[in-house]
PDB file of N, CA and C in Angstrom:
ATOM      1  N   UNK A   1     -34.965  33.837  19.697  1.00  0.00           N
ATOM      2  CA  UNK A   1     -34.367  33.795  18.387  1.00  0.00           C
ATOM      3  C   UNK A   1     -32.913  34.225  18.521  1.00  0.00           C
ATOM      4  N   UNK A   2     -32.072  33.572  17.744  1.00  0.00           N
ATOM      5  CA  UNK A   2     -30.640  33.856  17.771  1.00  0.00           C
ATOM      6  C   UNK A   2     -30.189  34.394  16.421  1.00  0.00           C
ATOM      7  N   UNK A   3     -29.144  35.172  16.467  1.00  0.00           N
ATOM      8  CA  UNK A   3     -28.521  35.683  15.262  1.00  0.00           C
ATOM      9  C   UNK A   3     -27.161  35.009  15.147  1.00  0.00           C
ATOM     10  N   UNK A   4     -26.806  34.565  13.944  1.00  0.00           N
ATOM     11  CA  UNK A   4     -25.528  33.890  13.794  1.00  0.00           C
ATOM     12  C   UNK A   4     -25.023  33.931  12.375  1.00  0.00           C
ATOM     13  N   UNK A   5     -23.878  33.265  12.189  1.00  0.00           N
ATOM     14  CA  UNK A   5     -23.237  33.187  10.876  1.00  0.00           C
ATOM     15  C   UNK A   5     -22.939  31.724  10.594  1.00  0.00           C
ATOM     16  N   UNK A   6     -23.312  31.273   9.401  1.00  0.00           N
ATOM     17  CA  UNK A   6     -23.044  29.883   9.001  1.00  0.00           C
ATOM     18  C   UNK A   6     -21.538  29.728   8.803  1.00  0.00           C
ATOM     19  N   UNK A   7     -20.960  28.734   9.487  1.00  0.00           N
ATOM     20  CA  UNK A   7     -19.511  28.530   9.394  1.00  0.00           C
ATOM     21  C   UNK A   7     -19.147  27.193   8.765  1.00  0.00           C
ATOM     22  N   UNK A   8     -20.138  26.344   8.516  1.00  0.00           N
ATOM     23  CA  UNK A   8     -19.811  25.066   7.890  1.00  0.00           C
ATOM     24  C   UNK A   8     -21.020  24.193   7.651  1.00  0.00           C
ATOM     25  N   UNK A   9     -20.806  23.177   6.831  1.00  0.00           N
ATOM     26  CA  UNK A   9     -21.823  22.172   6.537  1.00  0.00           C
ATOM     27  C   UNK A   9     -21.578  20.948   7.398  1.00  0.00           C
ATOM     28  N   UNK A  10     -22.644  20.276   7.761  1.00  0.00           N
ATOM     29  CA  UNK A  10     -22.542  19.011   8.489  1.00  0.00           C
ATOM     30  C   UNK A  10     -23.051  17.927   7.549  1.00  0.00           C
ATOM     31  N   UNK A  11     -22.221  16.958   7.253  1.00  0.00           N
ATOM     32  CA  UNK A  11     -22.607  15.892   6.332  1.00  0.00           C
ATOM     33  C   UNK A  11     -23.002  14.662   7.126  1.00  0.00           C
ATOM     34  N   UNK A  12     -24.163  14.112   6.814  1.00  0.00           N
ATOM     35  CA  UNK A  12     -24.653  12.902   7.470  1.00  0.00           C
ATOM     36  C   UNK A  12     -25.079  11.908   6.395  1.00  0.00           C
ATOM     37  N   UNK A  13     -24.455  10.760   6.368  1.00  0.00           N
ATOM     38  CA  UNK A  13     -24.803   9.772   5.349  1.00  0.00           C
ATOM     39  C   UNK A  13     -26.090   9.024   5.699  1.00  0.00           C
ATOM     40  N   UNK A  14     -26.496   9.092   6.952  1.00  0.00           N
ATOM     41  CA  UNK A  14     -27.741   8.459   7.388  1.00  0.00           C
ATOM     42  C   UNK A  14     -28.495   9.451   8.253  1.00  0.00           C
ATOM     43  N   UNK A  15     -29.833   9.422   8.145  1.00  0.00           N
ATOM     44  CA  UNK A  15     -30.644  10.253   9.016  1.00  0.00           C
ATOM     45  C   UNK A  15     -32.001   9.597   9.207  1.00  0.00           C
ATOM     46  N   UNK A  16     -32.719  10.003  10.235  1.00  0.00           N
ATOM     47  CA  UNK A  16     -34.035   9.462  10.523  1.00  0.00           C
ATOM     48  C   UNK A  16     -35.016   9.805   9.404  1.00  0.00           C
ATOM     49  N   UNK A  17     -35.958   8.919   9.152  1.00  0.00           N
ATOM     50  CA  UNK A  17     -36.972   9.161   8.132  1.00  0.00           C
ATOM     51  C   UNK A  17     -37.830  10.378   8.458  1.00  0.00           C
ATOM     52  N   UNK A  18     -37.968  10.712   9.738  1.00  0.00           N
ATOM     53  CA  UNK A  18     -38.791  11.833  10.176  1.00  0.00           C
ATOM     54  C   UNK A  18     -38.199  13.198   9.821  1.00  0.00           C
ATOM     55  N   UNK A  19     -36.914  13.229   9.496  1.00  0.00           N
ATOM     56  CA  UNK A  19     -36.242  14.489   9.174  1.00  0.00           C
ATOM     57  C   UNK A  19     -36.500  14.813   7.703  1.00  0.00           C
ATOM     58  N   UNK A  20     -37.133  15.961   7.415  1.00  0.00           N
ATOM     59  CA  UNK A  20     -37.454  16.313   6.027  1.00  0.00           C
ATOM     60  C   UNK A  20     -36.202  16.702   5.231  1.00  0.00           C
ATOM     61  N   UNK A  21     -36.398  17.008   3.961  1.00  0.00           N
ATOM     62  CA  UNK A  21     -35.283  17.460   3.124  1.00  0.00           C
ATOM     63  C   UNK A  21     -34.768  18.798   3.629  1.00  0.00           C
ATOM     64  N   UNK A  22     -33.487  18.939   3.633  1.00  0.00           N
ATOM     65  CA  UNK A  22     -32.827  20.147   4.112  1.00  0.00           C
ATOM     66  C   UNK A  22     -31.395  19.807   4.479  1.00  0.00           C
ATOM     67  N   UNK A  23     -30.693  20.775   5.018  1.00  0.00           N
ATOM     68  CA  UNK A  23     -29.289  20.583   5.363  1.00  0.00           C
ATOM     69  C   UNK A  23     -29.044  20.926   6.824  1.00  0.00           C
ATOM     70  N   UNK A  24     -28.056  20.275   7.394  1.00  0.00           N
ATOM     71  CA  UNK A  24     -27.590  20.626   8.728  1.00  0.00           C
ATOM     72  C   UNK A  24     -26.376  21.536   8.561  1.00  0.00           C
ATOM     73  N   UNK A  25     -26.410  22.686   9.216  1.00  0.00           N
ATOM     74  CA  UNK A  25     -25.326  23.653   9.121  1.00  0.00           C
ATOM     75  C   UNK A  25     -24.799  24.001  10.502  1.00  0.00           C
ATOM     76  N   UNK A  26     -23.500  24.247  10.590  1.00  0.00           N
ATOM     77  CA  UNK A  26     -22.911  24.722  11.838  1.00  0.00           C
ATOM     78  C   UNK A  26     -23.001  26.245  11.837  1.00  0.00           C
ATOM     79  N   UNK A  27     -23.551  26.783  12.920  1.00  0.00           N
ATOM     80  CA  UNK A  27     -23.776  28.220  13.040  1.00  0.00           C
ATOM     81  C   UNK A  27     -23.038  28.736  14.272  1.00  0.00           C
ATOM     82  N   UNK A  28     -22.325  29.846  14.098  1.00  0.00           N
ATOM     83  CA  UNK A  28     -21.672  30.525  15.217  1.00  0.00           C
ATOM     84  C   UNK A  28     -22.588  31.659  15.653  1.00  0.00           C
ATOM     85  N   UNK A  29     -23.035  31.596  16.895  1.00  0.00           N
ATOM     86  CA  UNK A  29     -23.975  32.580  17.423  1.00  0.00           C
ATOM     87  C   UNK A  29     -23.253  33.891  17.695  1.00  0.00           C
ATOM     88  N   UNK A  30     -23.903  35.010  17.343  1.00  0.00           N
ATOM     89  CA  UNK A  30     -23.339  36.346  17.558  1.00  0.00           C
ATOM     90  C   UNK A  30     -24.163  37.079  18.597  1.00  0.00           C
ATOM     91  N   UNK A  31     -23.588  37.791  19.506  1.00  0.00           N
ATOM     92  CA  UNK A  31     -22.170  37.774  19.881  1.00  0.00           C
ATOM     93  C   UNK A  31     -21.863  36.577  20.769  1.00  0.00           C
ATOM     94  N   UNK A  32     -20.622  36.324  21.015  1.00  0.00           N
ATOM     95  CA  UNK A  32     -20.235  35.294  21.957  1.00  0.00           C
ATOM     96  C   UNK A  32     -19.504  34.130  21.351  1.00  0.00           C
ATOM     97  N   UNK A  33     -19.856  33.741  20.155  1.00  0.00           N
ATOM     98  CA  UNK A  33     -19.124  32.683  19.484  1.00  0.00           C
ATOM     99  C   UNK A  33     -19.546  31.269  19.803  1.00  0.00           C
ATOM    100  N   UNK A  34     -20.628  31.069  20.588  1.00  0.00           N
ATOM    101  CA  UNK A  34     -21.101  29.707  20.822  1.00  0.00           C
ATOM    102  C   UNK A  34     -21.501  29.101  19.483  1.00  0.00           C
ATOM    103  N   UNK A  35     -21.385  27.791  19.365  1.00  0.00           N
ATOM    104  CA  UNK A  35     -21.717  27.126  18.107  1.00  0.00           C
ATOM    105  C   UNK A  35     -22.864  26.149  18.306  1.00  0.00           C
ATOM    106  N   UNK A  36     -23.671  26.005  17.260  1.00  0.00           N
ATOM    107  CA  UNK A  36     -24.759  25.035  17.302  1.00  0.00           C
ATOM    108  C   UNK A  36     -24.987  24.484  15.904  1.00  0.00           C
ATOM    109  N   UNK A  37     -25.708  23.379  15.837  1.00  0.00           N
ATOM    110  CA  UNK A  37     -26.097  22.784  14.569  1.00  0.00           C
ATOM    111  C   UNK A  37     -27.550  23.147  14.342  1.00  0.00           C
ATOM    112  N   UNK A  38     -27.840  23.742  13.189  1.00  0.00           N
ATOM    113  CA  UNK A  38     -29.203  24.163  12.857  1.00  0.00           C
ATOM    114  C   UNK A  38     -29.639  23.519  11.554  1.00  0.00           C
ATOM    115  N   UNK A  39     -30.917  23.200  11.470  1.00  0.00           N
ATOM    116  CA  UNK A  39     -31.486  22.636  10.254  1.00  0.00           C
ATOM    117  C   UNK A  39     -31.883  23.782   9.328  1.00  0.00           C
ATOM    118  N   UNK A  40     -31.588  23.640   8.048  1.00  0.00           N
ATOM    119  CA  UNK A  40     -31.829  24.718   7.087  1.00  0.00           C
ATOM    120  C   UNK A  40     -32.647  24.213   5.906  1.00  0.00           C
ATOM    121  N   UNK A  41     -33.762  24.879   5.627  1.00  0.00           N
ATOM    122  CA  UNK A  41     -34.571  24.569   4.452  1.00  0.00           C
ATOM    123  C   UNK A  41     -34.519  25.715   3.440  1.00  0.00           C
ATOM    124  N   UNK A  42     -33.759  26.771   3.751  1.00  0.00           N
ATOM    125  CA  UNK A  42     -33.694  27.954   2.898  1.00  0.00           C
ATOM    126  C   UNK A  42     -32.578  27.900   1.859  1.00  0.00           C
ATOM    127  N   UNK A  43     -31.594  27.051   2.065  1.00  0.00           N
ATOM    128  CA  UNK A  43     -30.450  27.000   1.167  1.00  0.00           C
ATOM    129  C   UNK A  43     -29.352  27.968   1.547  1.00  0.00           C
ATOM    130  N   UNK A  44     -29.192  28.226   2.836  1.00  0.00           N
ATOM    131  CA  UNK A  44     -28.162  29.151   3.325  1.00  0.00           C
ATOM    132  C   UNK A  44     -26.769  28.594   3.051  1.00  0.00           C
ATOM    133  N   UNK A  45     -25.803  29.506   2.913  1.00  0.00           N
ATOM    134  CA  UNK A  45     -24.444  29.091   2.620  1.00  0.00           C
ATOM    135  C   UNK A  45     -23.451  29.577   3.657  1.00  0.00           C
ATOM    136  N   UNK A  46     -22.247  29.030   3.603  1.00  0.00           N
ATOM    137  CA  UNK A  46     -21.177  29.409   4.519  1.00  0.00           C
ATOM    138  C   UNK A  46     -20.914  30.904   4.385  1.00  0.00           C
ATOM    139  N   UNK A  47     -20.810  31.586   5.525  1.00  0.00           N
ATOM    140  CA  UNK A  47     -20.558  33.018   5.570  1.00  0.00           C
ATOM    141  C   UNK A  47     -21.826  33.845   5.674  1.00  0.00           C
ATOM    142  N   UNK A  48     -22.966  33.239   5.433  1.00  0.00           N
ATOM    143  CA  UNK A  48     -24.240  33.968   5.466  1.00  0.00           C
ATOM    144  C   UNK A  48     -24.692  34.209   6.910  1.00  0.00           C
ATOM    145  N   UNK A  49     -25.231  35.385   7.159  1.00  0.00           N
ATOM    146  CA  UNK A  49     -25.791  35.721   8.469  1.00  0.00           C
ATOM    147  C   UNK A  49     -27.249  35.291   8.487  1.00  0.00           C
ATOM    148  N   UNK A  50     -27.650  34.598   9.558  1.00  0.00           N
ATOM    149  CA  UNK A  50     -28.971  33.987   9.610  1.00  0.00           C
ATOM    150  C   UNK A  50     -29.654  34.229  10.958  1.00  0.00           C
ATOM    151  N   UNK A  51     -30.974  34.027  10.956  1.00  0.00           N
ATOM    152  CA  UNK A  51     -31.765  34.015  12.182  1.00  0.00           C
ATOM    153  C   UNK A  51     -32.122  32.568  12.480  1.00  0.00           C
ATOM    154  N   UNK A  52     -31.999  32.174  13.753  1.00  0.00           N
ATOM    155  CA  UNK A  52     -32.244  30.794  14.146  1.00  0.00           C
ATOM    156  C   UNK A  52     -33.283  30.757  15.261  1.00  0.00           C
ATOM    157  N   UNK A  53     -34.334  29.973  15.054  1.00  0.00           N
ATOM    158  CA  UNK A  53     -35.311  29.702  16.106  1.00  0.00           C
ATOM    159  C   UNK A  53     -34.895  28.409  16.788  1.00  0.00           C
ATOM    160  N   UNK A  54     -35.096  28.327  18.098  1.00  0.00           N
ATOM    161  CA  UNK A  54     -34.673  27.143  18.835  1.00  0.00           C
ATOM    162  C   UNK A  54     -35.822  26.564  19.657  1.00  0.00           C
ATOM    163  N   UNK A  55     -35.608  25.341  20.127  1.00  0.00           N
ATOM    164  CA  UNK A  55     -36.554  24.686  21.020  1.00  0.00           C
ATOM    165  C   UNK A  55     -37.885  24.363  20.370  1.00  0.00           C
ATOM    166  N   UNK A  56     -38.955  24.491  21.145  1.00  0.00           N
ATOM    167  CA  UNK A  56     -40.280  24.114  20.669  1.00  0.00           C
ATOM    168  C   UNK A  56     -40.742  24.977  19.504  1.00  0.00           C
ATOM    169  N   UNK A  57     -40.261  26.209  19.417  1.00  0.00           N
ATOM    170  CA  UNK A  57     -40.613  27.080  18.287  1.00  0.00           C
ATOM    171  C   UNK A  57     -40.079  26.477  16.986  1.00  0.00           C
ATOM    172  N   UNK A  58     -38.863  25.979  17.001  1.00  0.00           N
ATOM    173  CA  UNK A  58     -38.288  25.358  15.811  1.00  0.00           C
ATOM    174  C   UNK A  58     -39.045  24.088  15.445  1.00  0.00           C
ATOM    175  N   UNK A  59     -39.328  23.253  16.415  1.00  0.00           N
ATOM    176  CA  UNK A  59     -40.017  21.989  16.154  1.00  0.00           C
ATOM    177  C   UNK A  59     -41.436  22.221  15.653  1.00  0.00           C
ATOM    178  N   UNK A  60     -42.092  23.270  16.127  1.00  0.00           N
ATOM    179  CA  UNK A  60     -43.488  23.530  15.758  1.00  0.00           C
ATOM    180  C   UNK A  60     -43.642  23.964  14.307  1.00  0.00           C
ATOM    181  N   UNK A  61     -42.589  24.360  13.651  1.00  0.00           N
ATOM    182  CA  UNK A  61     -42.666  24.791  12.258  1.00  0.00           C
ATOM    183  C   UNK A  61     -43.048  23.641  11.335  1.00  0.00           C
ATOM    184  N   UNK A  62     -42.664  22.423  11.703  1.00  0.00           N
ATOM    185  CA  UNK A  62     -42.911  21.264  10.862  1.00  0.00           C
ATOM    186  C   UNK A  62     -44.346  20.764  11.039  1.00  0.00           C
ATOM    187  N   UNK A  63     -45.040  20.469   9.931  1.00  0.00           N
ATOM    188  CA  UNK A  63     -46.409  19.957  10.055  1.00  0.00           C
ATOM    189  C   UNK A  63     -46.419  18.527  10.607  1.00  0.00           C
ATOM    190  N   UNK A  64     -47.506  18.171  11.240  1.00  0.00           N
ATOM    191  CA  UNK A  64     -47.623  16.816  11.794  1.00  0.00           C
ATOM    192  C   UNK A  64     -46.724  16.628  12.992  1.00  0.00           C
ATOM    193  N   UNK A  65     -46.246  15.403  13.152  1.00  0.00           N
ATOM    194  CA  UNK A  65     -45.356  15.106  14.276  1.00  0.00           C
ATOM    195  C   UNK A  65     -43.998  15.744  14.021  1.00  0.00           C
ATOM    196  N   UNK A  66     -43.546  16.543  14.963  1.00  0.00           N
ATOM    197  CA  UNK A  66     -42.284  17.271  14.802  1.00  0.00           C
ATOM    198  C   UNK A  66     -41.094  16.320  14.801  1.00  0.00           C
ATOM    199  N   UNK A  67     -40.151  16.516  13.855  1.00  0.00           N
ATOM    200  CA  UNK A  67     -38.928  15.713  13.871  1.00  0.00           C
ATOM    201  C   UNK A  67     -38.031  16.163  15.029  1.00  0.00           C
ATOM    202  N   UNK A  68     -37.020  15.378  15.369  1.00  0.00           N
ATOM    203  CA  UNK A  68     -36.138  15.725  16.488  1.00  0.00           C
ATOM    204  C   UNK A  68     -35.148  16.833  16.115  1.00  0.00           C
ATOM    205  N   UNK A  69     -35.670  18.014  15.871  1.00  0.00           N
ATOM    206  CA  UNK A  69     -34.850  19.170  15.494  1.00  0.00           C
ATOM    207  C   UNK A  69     -35.161  20.302  16.458  1.00  0.00           C
ATOM    208  N   UNK A  70     -34.130  20.882  17.081  1.00  0.00           N
ATOM    209  CA  UNK A  70     -34.393  21.964  18.042  1.00  0.00           C
ATOM    210  C   UNK A  70     -33.716  23.282  17.672  1.00  0.00           C
ATOM    211  N   UNK A  71     -33.181  23.390  16.442  1.00  0.00           N
ATOM    212  CA  UNK A  71     -32.642  24.658  15.944  1.00  0.00           C
ATOM    213  C   UNK A  71     -32.929  24.710  14.450  1.00  0.00           C
ATOM    214  N   UNK A  72     -33.606  25.783  14.018  1.00  0.00           N
ATOM    215  CA  UNK A  72     -34.055  25.907  12.640  1.00  0.00           C
ATOM    216  C   UNK A  72     -33.712  27.291  12.102  1.00  0.00           C
ATOM    217  N   UNK A  73     -33.045  27.336  10.966  1.00  0.00           N
ATOM    218  CA  UNK A  73     -32.759  28.621  10.320  1.00  0.00           C
ATOM    219  C   UNK A  73     -34.056  29.106   9.686  1.00  0.00           C
ATOM    220  N   UNK A  74     -34.513  30.295  10.129  1.00  0.00           N
ATOM    221  CA  UNK A  74     -35.800  30.809   9.657  1.00  0.00           C
ATOM    222  C   UNK A  74     -35.657  32.066   8.810  1.00  0.00           C
ATOM    223  N   UNK A  75     -34.464  32.586   8.670  1.00  0.00           N
ATOM    224  CA  UNK A  75     -34.291  33.783   7.866  1.00  0.00           C
ATOM    225  C   UNK A  75     -32.843  34.058   7.549  1.00  0.00           C
ATOM    226  N   UNK A  76     -32.650  34.824   6.479  1.00  0.00           N
ATOM    227  CA  UNK A  76     -31.321  35.262   6.061  1.00  0.00           C
ATOM    228  C   UNK A  76     -31.251  36.763   6.263  1.00  0.00           C
ATOM    229  N   UNK A  77     -30.197  37.242   6.921  1.00  0.00           N
ATOM    230  CA  UNK A  77     -30.041  38.665   7.206  1.00  0.00           C
ATOM    231  C   UNK A  77     -29.272  39.298   6.051  1.00  0.00           C
ATOM    232  N   UNK A  78     -29.936  40.226   5.349  1.00  0.00           N
ATOM    233  CA  UNK A  78     -29.293  40.898   4.225  1.00  0.00           C
ATOM    234  C   UNK A  78     -28.491  42.105   4.681  1.00  0.00           C
ATOM    235  N   UNK A  79     -29.025  42.838   5.652  1.00  0.00           N
ATOM    236  CA  UNK A  79     -28.380  44.054   6.112  1.00  0.00           C
ATOM    237  C   UNK A  79     -28.813  44.320   7.546  1.00  0.00           C
ATOM    238  N   UNK A  80     -27.931  44.904   8.336  1.00  0.00           N
ATOM    239  CA  UNK A  80     -28.253  45.195   9.717  1.00  0.00           C
ATOM    240  C   UNK A  80     -27.645  46.532  10.124  1.00  0.00           C
ATOM    241  N   UNK A  81     -28.321  47.236  11.011  1.00  0.00           N
ATOM    242  CA  UNK A  81     -27.793  48.494  11.508  1.00  0.00           C
ATOM    243  C   UNK A  81     -27.114  48.327  12.860  1.00  0.00           C
ATOM    244  N   UNK A  82     -26.989  47.089  13.355  1.00  0.00           N
ATOM    245  CA  UNK A  82     -26.423  46.872  14.687  1.00  0.00           C
ATOM    246  C   UNK A  82     -24.904  46.771  14.699  1.00  0.00           C
ATOM    247  N   UNK A  83     -24.266  46.706  13.537  1.00  0.00           N
ATOM    248  CA  UNK A  83     -22.813  46.631  13.510  1.00  0.00           C
ATOM    249  C   UNK A  83     -22.243  45.248  13.424  1.00  0.00           C
ATOM    250  N   UNK A  84     -23.062  44.196  13.353  1.00  0.00           N
ATOM    251  CA  UNK A  84     -22.547  42.832  13.228  1.00  0.00           C
ATOM    252  C   UNK A  84     -22.257  42.514  11.801  1.00  0.00           C
TER     253      UNK A  84
END
């Protein structure tokens, strides 16, 4: 699981039918600053700190045949004692 901050929206005018309703967001991973695109079903916004599951864990969240998604926002961080 990764911790990150949403830094932007990704707009796609076309997508595969297998991809459920939700948004693609650009997330900056903390610490380090690497960036990734994560699928969001929670309604996260720019500036929000989030938890991201990746790989088969992210794909397994979807019922039935998993869509081609390998990063999924699974939580919103309200407060942390780690200093981030």
